Amino acid sequence: MILTIKELIDESKNYASVADLMIAQEMEYSGASREKIRAAMHRNLEVMRSSVAEGIAGVKSVTGLTGGDAKRLNDYLASGKFLSGDLILQAVRNAIATNEVNAKMGLICATPTAGSAGVLAGVLVAVEKRLGLTDEQAVDFLFTAGAFGLVIANNASISGAEGGCQAEVGSAAAMAAAATVLAAGGTVEAASHALAITIKNMLGLICDPVAGLVEVPCVKRNALGSSQALISADMALAGIQSVIPPDEVIEAMHKVGQVMPSIFKETAEGGLAATPTALGITRKLGFAD
């Protein structure tokens, strides 16, 4: 079992890629064949692409709190009047689309959680076109993200209830950043720095879902998480490194999560969830005591 980023970097030298290392780990853990494991990941890829497409077409959540923003952003992209980069906005749009589908109780792929599912799907569906990835390379992207996510889960947390949103959207963005670096031809070391840069900039992010629902501010946090992943990847590909080693950054996230007050850990008792408007929404939906 890979326990640290350093071990991941060292061990990956014995395999063709980080993706192959992750598959070998899964084969050892589950006893499943390589073919079966890759087939399951192909299914995950199909679900991601489908959720993005469905969300862009326009959906509404069960509560009516969220929905339609992916379509709005898609129309805005088509106008050509946007200020930020086309690829970043595609990833943002895709992330919103995925989380809007989740909010309508549609089918998504939790990566690493349902509440943060938009980040990895959003980034992958955007970069696979830019980088010209084949289906097999897109699947490798997911295995790579999983390898880095495994280290985070083993040393910190991917649970909002345990570590706040830094553990959910933060982890998802870090996974996406690392996988993007490798998909773009970067080194495993550069990928690890992309992970560290991402987590550092999401350190302390709280989990404060309005009315206890995975909608507000979750959908927009996924959007910004996807943009953070791409910026971190570009920084790492440019040769920028994290002064604090990746494993120490992960440990710092773990410690921050441990001391974070419970009102900021998915309880809907603090942050945006405690604003007058949020409390009004909670009452309107019949969720108030």
C-alpha atoms as a PDB file:
ATOM      1  CA  MET A   1       0.000   0.000   0.000  1.00  0.00           C
ATOM      2  CA  ILE A   2       1.323   3.425  -0.990  1.00  0.00           C
ATOM      3  CA  LEU A   3       1.237   5.631   2.111  1.00  0.00           C
ATOM      4  CA  THR A   4       3.035   8.823   1.102  1.00  0.00           C
ATOM      5  CA  ILE A   5       3.682  10.967  -1.958  1.00  0.00           C
ATOM      6  CA  LYS A   6       7.372  10.185  -1.636  1.00  0.00           C
ATOM      7  CA  GLU A   7       6.601   6.476  -1.756  1.00  0.00           C
ATOM      8  CA  LEU A   8       4.335   7.036  -4.753  1.00  0.00           C
ATOM      9  CA  ILE A   9       7.132   8.848  -6.600  1.00  0.00           C
ATOM     10  CA  ASP A  10       9.707   6.201  -5.738  1.00  0.00           C
ATOM     11  CA  GLU A  11       7.465   3.207  -6.428  1.00  0.00           C
ATOM     12  CA  SER A  12       6.190   4.616  -9.736  1.00  0.00           C
ATOM     13  CA  LYS A  13       9.723   4.234 -11.135  1.00  0.00           C
ATOM     14  CA  ASN A  14       9.138   0.481 -11.116  1.00  0.00           C
ATOM     15  CA  TYR A  15       6.059   0.779 -13.343  1.00  0.00           C
ATOM     16  CA  ALA A  16       5.249   2.187 -16.748  1.00  0.00           C
ATOM     17  CA  SER A  17       3.160   4.918 -15.150  1.00  0.00           C
ATOM     18  CA  VAL A  18       1.402   5.999 -11.972  1.00  0.00           C
ATOM     19  CA  ALA A  19      -1.770   4.567 -13.495  1.00  0.00           C
ATOM     20  CA  ASP A  20      -0.126   1.150 -13.827  1.00  0.00           C
ATOM     21  CA  LEU A  21       1.064   1.377 -10.229  1.00  0.00           C
ATOM     22  CA  MET A  22      -2.479   2.126  -9.085  1.00  0.00           C
ATOM     23  CA  ILE A  23      -3.891  -0.772 -11.083  1.00  0.00           C
ATOM     24  CA  ALA A  24      -1.324  -3.106  -9.533  1.00  0.00           C
ATOM     25  CA  GLN A  25      -2.355  -1.873  -6.081  1.00  0.00           C
ATOM     26  CA  GLU A  26      -6.013  -2.510  -6.894  1.00  0.00           C
ATOM     27  CA  MET A  27      -5.268  -5.969  -8.258  1.00  0.00           C
ATOM     28  CA  GLU A  28      -3.461  -6.855  -5.044  1.00  0.00           C
ATOM     29  CA  TYR A  29      -6.196  -5.396  -2.851  1.00  0.00           C
ATOM     30  CA  SER A  30      -9.273  -6.711  -4.654  1.00  0.00           C
ATOM     31  CA  GLY A  31      -7.954  -9.783  -6.411  1.00  0.00           C
ATOM     32  CA  ALA A  32      -9.643  -8.630  -9.624  1.00  0.00           C
ATOM     33  CA  SER A  33      -7.944  -8.901 -13.000  1.00  0.00           C
ATOM     34  CA  ARG A  34      -6.411  -5.934 -14.810  1.00  0.00           C
ATOM     35  CA  GLU A  35      -9.091  -6.240 -17.493  1.00  0.00           C
ATOM     36  CA  LYS A  36     -11.929  -6.140 -14.977  1.00  0.00           C
ATOM     37  CA  ILE A  37     -10.411  -3.172 -13.132  1.00  0.00           C
ATOM     38  CA  ARG A  38      -9.917  -1.170 -16.322  1.00  0.00           C
ATOM     39  CA  ALA A  39     -13.431  -2.040 -17.497  1.00  0.00           C
ATOM     40  CA  ALA A  40     -14.857  -0.651 -14.261  1.00  0.00           C
ATOM     41  CA  MET A  41     -12.906   2.574 -14.729  1.00  0.00           C
ATOM     42  CA  HIS A  42     -14.138   2.821 -18.318  1.00  0.00           C
ATOM     43  CA  ARG A  43     -17.643   2.750 -16.882  1.00  0.00           C
ATOM     44  CA  ASN A  44     -16.750   5.576 -14.518  1.00  0.00           C
ATOM     45  CA  LEU A  45     -15.458   7.590 -17.465  1.00  0.00           C
ATOM     46  CA  GLU A  46     -18.704   7.044 -19.358  1.00  0.00           C
ATOM     47  CA  VAL A  47     -20.721   8.216 -16.358  1.00  0.00           C
ATOM     48  CA  MET A  48     -18.594  11.358 -16.043  1.00  0.00           C
ATOM     49  CA  ARG A  49     -19.023  12.268 -19.687  1.00  0.00           C
ATOM     50  CA  SER A  50     -22.739  11.580 -19.506  1.00  0.00           C
ATOM     51  CA  SER A  51     -23.280  13.705 -16.404  1.00  0.00           C
ATOM     52  CA  VAL A  52     -21.404  16.609 -17.985  1.00  0.00           C
ATOM     53  CA  ALA A  53     -23.504  16.408 -21.148  1.00  0.00           C
ATOM     54  CA  GLU A  54     -26.749  16.134 -19.204  1.00  0.00           C
ATOM     55  CA  GLY A  55     -25.907  19.090 -17.009  1.00  0.00           C
ATOM     56  CA  ILE A  56     -24.897  21.318 -19.912  1.00  0.00           C
ATOM     57  CA  ALA A  57     -28.234  20.591 -21.590  1.00  0.00           C
ATOM     58  CA  GLY A  58     -29.917  22.065 -18.518  1.00  0.00           C
ATOM     59  CA  VAL A  59     -31.271  20.477 -15.351  1.00  0.00           C
ATOM     60  CA  LYS A  60     -32.964  21.586 -12.129  1.00  0.00           C
ATOM     61  CA  SER A  61     -32.390  20.166  -8.674  1.00  0.00           C
ATOM     62  CA  VAL A  62     -35.160  18.453  -6.749  1.00  0.00           C
ATOM     63  CA  THR A  63     -35.450  21.461  -4.432  1.00  0.00           C
ATOM     64  CA  GLY A  64     -35.137  24.059  -7.164  1.00  0.00           C
ATOM     65  CA  LEU A  65     -32.208  25.675  -5.348  1.00  0.00           C
ATOM     66  CA  THR A  66     -29.755  25.017  -8.152  1.00  0.00           C
ATOM     67  CA  GLY A  67     -29.759  24.216 -11.839  1.00  0.00           C
ATOM     68  CA  GLY A  68     -29.335  25.803 -15.228  1.00  0.00           C
ATOM     69  CA  ASP A  69     -25.996  27.460 -14.517  1.00  0.00           C
ATOM     70  CA  ALA A  70     -23.999  25.015 -16.631  1.00  0.00           C
ATOM     71  CA  LYS A  71     -26.207  25.884 -19.602  1.00  0.00           C
ATOM     72  CA  ARG A  72     -25.805  29.588 -18.872  1.00  0.00           C
ATOM     73  CA  LEU A  73     -22.042  29.270 -18.796  1.00  0.00           C
ATOM     74  CA  ASN A  74     -22.093  27.185 -21.969  1.00  0.00           C
ATOM     75  CA  ASP A  75     -24.020  29.963 -23.726  1.00  0.00           C
ATOM     76  CA  TYR A  76     -21.555  32.503 -22.339  1.00  0.00           C
ATOM     77  CA  LEU A  77     -18.657  30.455 -23.703  1.00  0.00           C
ATOM     78  CA  ALA A  78     -20.339  30.337 -27.106  1.00  0.00           C
ATOM     79  CA  SER A  79     -20.609  34.134 -27.119  1.00  0.00           C
ATOM     80  CA  GLY A  80     -16.830  34.442 -27.095  1.00  0.00           C
ATOM     81  CA  LYS A  81     -17.012  37.413 -24.717  1.00  0.00           C
ATOM     82  CA  PHE A  82     -15.477  35.665 -21.722  1.00  0.00           C
ATOM     83  CA  LEU A  83     -12.504  37.156 -19.877  1.00  0.00           C
ATOM     84  CA  SER A  84     -10.721  34.082 -18.531  1.00  0.00           C
ATOM     85  CA  GLY A  85      -9.364  31.157 -20.539  1.00  0.00           C
ATOM     86  CA  ASP A  86     -11.515  28.936 -22.705  1.00  0.00           C
ATOM     87  CA  LEU A  87     -10.161  25.694 -21.197  1.00  0.00           C
ATOM     88  CA  ILE A  88     -10.676  26.900 -17.634  1.00  0.00           C
ATOM     89  CA  LEU A  89     -14.247  27.907 -18.336  1.00  0.00           C
ATOM     90  CA  GLN A  90     -14.937  24.583 -20.027  1.00  0.00           C
ATOM     91  CA  ALA A  91     -13.745  22.791 -16.893  1.00  0.00           C
ATOM     92  CA  VAL A  92     -15.819  25.123 -14.714  1.00  0.00           C
ATOM     93  CA  ARG A  93     -18.889  24.546 -16.879  1.00  0.00           C
ATOM     94  CA  ASN A  94     -18.370  20.785 -16.767  1.00  0.00           C
ATOM     95  CA  ALA A  95     -17.955  20.814 -13.004  1.00  0.00           C
ATOM     96  CA  ILE A  96     -21.146  22.794 -12.520  1.00  0.00           C
ATOM     97  CA  ALA A  97     -22.957  20.459 -14.903  1.00  0.00           C
ATOM     98  CA  THR A  98     -21.893  17.389 -12.946  1.00  0.00           C
ATOM     99  CA  ASN A  99     -22.921  18.784  -9.587  1.00  0.00           C
ATOM    100  CA  GLU A 100     -26.231  20.014 -10.945  1.00  0.00           C
ATOM    101  CA  VAL A 101     -26.944  16.468 -12.110  1.00  0.00           C
ATOM    102  CA  ASN A 102     -26.008  15.247  -8.636  1.00  0.00           C
ATOM    103  CA  ALA A 103     -28.427  17.769  -7.098  1.00  0.00           C
ATOM    104  CA  LYS A 104     -31.261  16.424  -9.258  1.00  0.00           C
ATOM    105  CA  MET A 105     -30.440  12.915  -7.993  1.00  0.00           C
ATOM    106  CA  GLY A 106     -28.946  11.916 -11.328  1.00  0.00           C
ATOM    107  CA  LEU A 107     -26.102   9.491 -11.945  1.00  0.00           C
ATOM    108  CA  ILE A 108     -22.599  10.806 -11.235  1.00  0.00           C
ATOM    109  CA  CYS A 109     -19.241   9.306 -10.305  1.00  0.00           C
ATOM    110  CA  ALA A 110     -18.118  10.233  -6.784  1.00  0.00           C
ATOM    111  CA  THR A 111     -14.507  11.426  -7.053  1.00  0.00           C
ATOM    112  CA  PRO A 112     -13.681  11.274  -4.224  1.00  0.00           C
ATOM    113  CA  THR A 113     -17.196  12.142  -2.955  1.00  0.00           C
ATOM    114  CA  ALA A 114     -20.545  13.001  -4.526  1.00  0.00           C
ATOM    115  CA  GLY A 115     -20.282  16.550  -3.232  1.00  0.00           C
ATOM    116  CA  SER A 116     -16.944  17.035  -4.989  1.00  0.00           C
ATOM    117  CA  ALA A 117     -17.730  14.956  -8.081  1.00  0.00           C
ATOM    118  CA  GLY A 118     -17.666  17.900 -10.454  1.00  0.00           C
ATOM    119  CA  VAL A 119     -13.990  18.751 -10.149  1.00  0.00           C
ATOM    120  CA  LEU A 120     -12.309  15.686 -11.640  1.00  0.00           C
ATOM    121  CA  ALA A 121     -15.030  15.102 -14.224  1.00  0.00           C
ATOM    122  CA  GLY A 122     -14.979  18.780 -15.147  1.00  0.00           C
ATOM    123  CA  VAL A 123     -11.240  18.921 -15.630  1.00  0.00           C
ATOM    124  CA  LEU A 124     -10.903  15.584 -17.425  1.00  0.00           C
ATOM    125  CA  VAL A 125     -13.688  16.214 -19.952  1.00  0.00           C
ATOM    126  CA  ALA A 126     -12.098  19.588 -20.720  1.00  0.00           C
ATOM    127  CA  VAL A 127      -8.462  18.525 -20.996  1.00  0.00           C
ATOM    128  CA  GLU A 128      -9.064  15.276 -22.858  1.00  0.00           C
ATOM    129  CA  LYS A 129     -10.048  17.320 -25.908  1.00  0.00           C
ATOM    130  CA  ARG A 130      -7.213  19.834 -25.517  1.00  0.00           C
ATOM    131  CA  LEU A 131      -4.602  17.104 -25.053  1.00  0.00           C
ATOM    132  CA  GLY A 132      -6.154  14.708 -27.566  1.00  0.00           C
ATOM    133  CA  LEU A 133      -6.400  11.886 -25.033  1.00  0.00           C
ATOM    134  CA  THR A 134      -7.653   8.502 -26.178  1.00  0.00           C
ATOM    135  CA  ASP A 135     -10.212   6.644 -24.077  1.00  0.00           C
ATOM    136  CA  GLU A 136      -7.409   4.534 -22.613  1.00  0.00           C
ATOM    137  CA  GLN A 137      -5.421   7.638 -21.712  1.00  0.00           C
ATOM    138  CA  ALA A 138      -8.512   9.189 -20.140  1.00  0.00           C
ATOM    139  CA  VAL A 139      -8.911   6.046 -18.047  1.00  0.00           C
ATOM    140  CA  ASP A 140      -5.253   6.315 -17.049  1.00  0.00           C
ATOM    141  CA  PHE A 141      -5.974   9.899 -15.967  1.00  0.00           C
ATOM    142  CA  LEU A 142      -8.556   8.556 -13.534  1.00  0.00           C
ATOM    143  CA  PHE A 143      -6.243   5.880 -12.153  1.00  0.00           C
ATOM    144  CA  THR A 144      -3.553   8.522 -11.693  1.00  0.00           C
ATOM    145  CA  ALA A 145      -5.939  10.794  -9.831  1.00  0.00           C
ATOM    146  CA  GLY A 146      -6.952   7.823  -7.708  1.00  0.00           C
ATOM    147  CA  ALA A 147      -3.349   7.122  -6.732  1.00  0.00           C
ATOM    148  CA  PHE A 148      -2.833  10.647  -5.427  1.00  0.00           C
ATOM    149  CA  GLY A 149      -6.263  10.605  -3.801  1.00  0.00           C
ATOM    150  CA  LEU A 150      -5.385   7.388  -2.004  1.00  0.00           C
ATOM    151  CA  VAL A 151      -2.413   9.090  -0.347  1.00  0.00           C
ATOM    152  CA  ILE A 152      -4.596  12.002   0.751  1.00  0.00           C
ATOM    153  CA  ALA A 153      -7.233   9.655   2.158  1.00  0.00           C
ATOM    154  CA  ASN A 154      -4.639   7.620   4.032  1.00  0.00           C
ATOM    155  CA  ASN A 155      -2.937  10.643   5.597  1.00  0.00           C
ATOM    156  CA  ALA A 156      -5.674  13.263   5.936  1.00  0.00           C
ATOM    157  CA  SER A 157      -9.312  12.901   4.868  1.00  0.00           C
ATOM    158  CA  ILE A 158     -11.660  13.101   1.893  1.00  0.00           C
ATOM    159  CA  SER A 159     -14.717  13.570   4.118  1.00  0.00           C
ATOM    160  CA  GLY A 160     -16.377  16.938   4.639  1.00  0.00           C
ATOM    161  CA  ALA A 161     -17.823  15.689   7.903  1.00  0.00           C
ATOM    162  CA  GLU A 162     -14.319  14.944   9.137  1.00  0.00           C
ATOM    163  CA  GLY A 163     -12.148  17.613   7.551  1.00  0.00           C
ATOM    164  CA  GLY A 164     -14.357  20.288   6.033  1.00  0.00           C
ATOM    165  CA  CYS A 165     -14.605  21.115   2.340  1.00  0.00           C
ATOM    166  CA  GLN A 166     -10.815  21.239   2.092  1.00  0.00           C
ATOM    167  CA  ALA A 167     -11.062  17.463   2.401  1.00  0.00           C
ATOM    168  CA  GLU A 168     -13.658  17.154  -0.370  1.00  0.00           C
ATOM    169  CA  VAL A 169     -13.269  19.829  -3.046  1.00  0.00           C
ATOM    170  CA  GLY A 170      -9.686  20.437  -1.944  1.00  0.00           C
ATOM    171  CA  SER A 171      -8.757  16.782  -2.370  1.00  0.00           C
ATOM    172  CA  ALA A 172     -10.645  16.508  -5.659  1.00  0.00           C
ATOM    173  CA  ALA A 173      -8.874  19.564  -7.057  1.00  0.00           C
ATOM    174  CA  ALA A 174      -5.494  18.251  -5.923  1.00  0.00           C
ATOM    175  CA  MET A 175      -6.181  14.885  -7.569  1.00  0.00           C
ATOM    176  CA  ALA A 176      -7.234  16.593 -10.801  1.00  0.00           C
ATOM    177  CA  ALA A 177      -4.190  18.869 -10.794  1.00  0.00           C
ATOM    178  CA  ALA A 178      -1.762  15.984 -10.359  1.00  0.00           C
ATOM    179  CA  ALA A 179      -3.424  13.866 -13.040  1.00  0.00           C
ATOM    180  CA  THR A 180      -3.474  16.783 -15.464  1.00  0.00           C
ATOM    181  CA  VAL A 181       0.266  17.341 -15.084  1.00  0.00           C
ATOM    182  CA  LEU A 182       1.019  13.730 -15.965  1.00  0.00           C
ATOM    183  CA  ALA A 183      -1.497  13.694 -18.824  1.00  0.00           C
ATOM    184  CA  ALA A 184       0.264  16.756 -20.237  1.00  0.00           C
ATOM    185  CA  GLY A 185       3.634  15.029 -20.142  1.00  0.00           C
ATOM    186  CA  GLY A 186       4.932  16.291 -16.813  1.00  0.00           C
ATOM    187  CA  THR A 187       6.856  14.281 -14.245  1.00  0.00           C
ATOM    188  CA  VAL A 188       5.502  12.572 -11.156  1.00  0.00           C
ATOM    189  CA  GLU A 189       7.473  15.071  -9.093  1.00  0.00           C
ATOM    190  CA  ALA A 190       5.802  17.986 -10.897  1.00  0.00           C
ATOM    191  CA  ALA A 191       2.416  16.342 -10.373  1.00  0.00           C
ATOM    192  CA  SER A 192       3.094  16.127  -6.646  1.00  0.00           C
ATOM    193  CA  HIS A 193       3.871  19.844  -6.543  1.00  0.00           C
ATOM    194  CA  ALA A 194       0.616  20.592  -8.379  1.00  0.00           C
ATOM    195  CA  LEU A 195      -1.156  18.635  -5.652  1.00  0.00           C
ATOM    196  CA  ALA A 196       0.636  20.581  -2.928  1.00  0.00           C
ATOM    197  CA  ILE A 197      -0.031  23.972  -4.532  1.00  0.00           C
ATOM    198  CA  THR A 198      -3.717  23.126  -4.783  1.00  0.00           C
ATOM    199  CA  ILE A 199      -4.149  21.942  -1.210  1.00  0.00           C
ATOM    200  CA  LYS A 200      -2.230  24.929   0.143  1.00  0.00           C
ATOM    201  CA  ASN A 201      -4.677  27.274  -1.552  1.00  0.00           C
ATOM    202  CA  MET A 202      -7.719  25.403  -0.241  1.00  0.00           C
ATOM    203  CA  LEU A 203      -6.405  24.860   3.259  1.00  0.00           C
ATOM    204  CA  GLY A 204      -9.078  25.566   5.852  1.00  0.00           C
ATOM    205  CA  LEU A 205     -11.995  25.560   3.393  1.00  0.00           C
ATOM    206  CA  ILE A 206     -15.104  24.882   5.458  1.00  0.00           C
ATOM    207  CA  CYS A 207     -18.116  22.689   4.677  1.00  0.00           C
ATOM    208  CA  ASP A 208     -21.297  24.717   5.224  1.00  0.00           C
ATOM    209  CA  PRO A 209     -24.127  23.321   3.070  1.00  0.00           C
ATOM    210  CA  VAL A 210     -27.263  25.442   3.124  1.00  0.00           C
ATOM    211  CA  ALA A 211     -30.166  23.425   4.569  1.00  0.00           C
ATOM    212  CA  GLY A 212     -27.803  20.466   4.742  1.00  0.00           C
ATOM    213  CA  LEU A 213     -28.078  19.935   0.995  1.00  0.00           C
ATOM    214  CA  VAL A 214     -25.195  19.357  -1.406  1.00  0.00           C
ATOM    215  CA  GLU A 215     -26.161  22.364  -3.520  1.00  0.00           C
ATOM    216  CA  VAL A 216     -25.232  25.763  -2.063  1.00  0.00           C
ATOM    217  CA  PRO A 217     -22.317  26.561  -2.034  1.00  0.00           C
ATOM    218  CA  CYS A 218     -21.157  23.116  -3.171  1.00  0.00           C
ATOM    219  CA  VAL A 219     -21.862  23.509  -6.895  1.00  0.00           C
ATOM    220  CA  LYS A 220     -19.871  26.723  -7.203  1.00  0.00           C
ATOM    221  CA  ARG A 221     -17.065  25.395  -5.020  1.00  0.00           C
ATOM    222  CA  ASN A 222     -16.642  22.560  -7.494  1.00  0.00           C
ATOM    223  CA  ALA A 223     -16.488  25.152 -10.254  1.00  0.00           C
ATOM    224  CA  LEU A 224     -13.682  27.058  -8.576  1.00  0.00           C
ATOM    225  CA  GLY A 225     -11.973  23.814  -7.575  1.00  0.00           C
ATOM    226  CA  SER A 226     -11.704  22.822 -11.221  1.00  0.00           C
ATOM    227  CA  SER A 227     -10.158  26.167 -12.123  1.00  0.00           C
ATOM    228  CA  GLN A 228      -7.698  25.844  -9.227  1.00  0.00           C
ATOM    229  CA  ALA A 229      -6.671  22.406 -10.500  1.00  0.00           C
ATOM    230  CA  LEU A 230      -5.795  23.744 -13.938  1.00  0.00           C
ATOM    231  CA  ILE A 231      -3.921  26.760 -12.595  1.00  0.00           C
ATOM    232  CA  SER A 232      -1.925  24.525 -10.236  1.00  0.00           C
ATOM    233  CA  ALA A 233      -1.147  22.146 -13.092  1.00  0.00           C
ATOM    234  CA  ASP A 234       0.120  24.993 -15.255  1.00  0.00           C
ATOM    235  CA  MET A 235       2.264  26.328 -12.426  1.00  0.00           C
ATOM    236  CA  ALA A 236       3.815  22.915 -11.850  1.00  0.00           C
ATOM    237  CA  LEU A 237       4.372  22.340 -15.578  1.00  0.00           C
ATOM    238  CA  ALA A 238       6.148  25.700 -15.679  1.00  0.00           C
ATOM    239  CA  GLY A 239       8.582  24.372 -13.086  1.00  0.00           C
ATOM    240  CA  ILE A 240       7.114  26.071 -10.027  1.00  0.00           C
ATOM    241  CA  GLN A 241       7.468  23.990  -6.880  1.00  0.00           C
ATOM    242  CA  SER A 242       5.851  24.018  -3.462  1.00  0.00           C
ATOM    243  CA  VAL A 243       8.317  25.189  -0.815  1.00  0.00           C
ATOM    244  CA  ILE A 244       6.535  22.914   1.674  1.00  0.00           C
ATOM    245  CA  PRO A 245       6.894  19.262   0.569  1.00  0.00           C
ATOM    246  CA  PRO A 246       3.649  17.609  -0.611  1.00  0.00           C
ATOM    247  CA  ASP A 247       3.534  15.113   2.263  1.00  0.00           C
ATOM    248  CA  GLU A 248       3.883  17.937   4.784  1.00  0.00           C
ATOM    249  CA  VAL A 249       1.114  19.868   3.039  1.00  0.00           C
ATOM    250  CA  ILE A 250      -1.179  16.842   3.332  1.00  0.00           C
ATOM    251  CA  GLU A 251      -0.279  16.491   7.002  1.00  0.00           C
ATOM    252  CA  ALA A 252      -1.052  20.177   7.520  1.00  0.00           C
ATOM    253  CA  MET A 253      -4.492  19.655   5.968  1.00  0.00           C
ATOM    254  CA  HIS A 254      -5.062  16.759   8.329  1.00  0.00           C
ATOM    255  CA  LYS A 255      -4.168  18.865  11.369  1.00  0.00           C
ATOM    256  CA  VAL A 256      -6.340  21.765  10.210  1.00  0.00           C
ATOM    257  CA  GLY A 257      -9.252  19.354   9.819  1.00  0.00           C
ATOM    258  CA  GLN A 258      -8.721  17.997  13.311  1.00  0.00           C
ATOM    259  CA  VAL A 259      -9.000  21.420  14.964  1.00  0.00           C
ATOM    260  CA  MET A 260     -11.718  22.792  12.668  1.00  0.00           C
ATOM    261  CA  PRO A 261     -14.914  23.484  14.693  1.00  0.00           C
ATOM    262  CA  SER A 262     -17.751  21.041  14.085  1.00  0.00           C
ATOM    263  CA  ILE A 263     -20.018  23.827  12.825  1.00  0.00           C
ATOM    264  CA  PHE A 264     -17.781  23.945   9.749  1.00  0.00           C
ATOM    265  CA  LYS A 265     -17.915  20.206   9.063  1.00  0.00           C
ATOM    266  CA  GLU A 266     -21.055  19.451   7.054  1.00  0.00           C
ATOM    267  CA  THR A 267     -23.390  20.172   9.980  1.00  0.00           C
ATOM    268  CA  ALA A 268     -25.026  23.205   8.324  1.00  0.00           C
ATOM    269  CA  GLU A 269     -24.560  25.109  11.582  1.00  0.00           C
ATOM    270  CA  GLY A 270     -21.997  27.714  10.492  1.00  0.00           C
ATOM    271  CA  GLY A 271     -20.625  29.717   7.605  1.00  0.00           C
ATOM    272  CA  LEU A 272     -23.010  30.378   4.727  1.00  0.00           C
ATOM    273  CA  ALA A 273     -25.495  27.881   6.164  1.00  0.00           C
ATOM    274  CA  ALA A 274     -26.059  30.192   9.146  1.00  0.00           C
ATOM    275  CA  THR A 275     -26.800  33.358   7.142  1.00  0.00           C
ATOM    276  CA  PRO A 276     -30.326  34.846   7.305  1.00  0.00           C
ATOM    277  CA  THR A 277     -31.026  33.891   3.697  1.00  0.00           C
ATOM    278  CA  ALA A 278     -29.836  30.324   4.237  1.00  0.00           C
ATOM    279  CA  LEU A 279     -31.950  29.954   7.366  1.00  0.00           C
ATOM    280  CA  GLY A 280     -34.945  31.256   5.412  1.00  0.00           C
ATOM    281  CA  ILE A 281     -34.335  28.666   2.709  1.00  0.00           C
ATOM    282  CA  THR A 282     -34.086  25.962   5.361  1.00  0.00           C
ATOM    283  CA  ARG A 283     -37.462  26.954   6.813  1.00  0.00           C
ATOM    284  CA  LYS A 284     -39.054  27.222   3.402  1.00  0.00           C
ATOM    285  CA  LEU A 285     -37.934  23.689   2.542  1.00  0.00           C
ATOM    286  CA  GLY A 286     -39.320  22.452   5.844  1.00  0.00           C
ATOM    287  CA  PHE A 287     -35.954  21.406   7.214  1.00  0.00           C
ATOM    288  CA  ALA A 288     -35.918  23.719  10.236  1.00  0.00           C
ATOM    289  CA  ASP A 289     -36.579  22.373  13.743  1.00  0.00           C
END
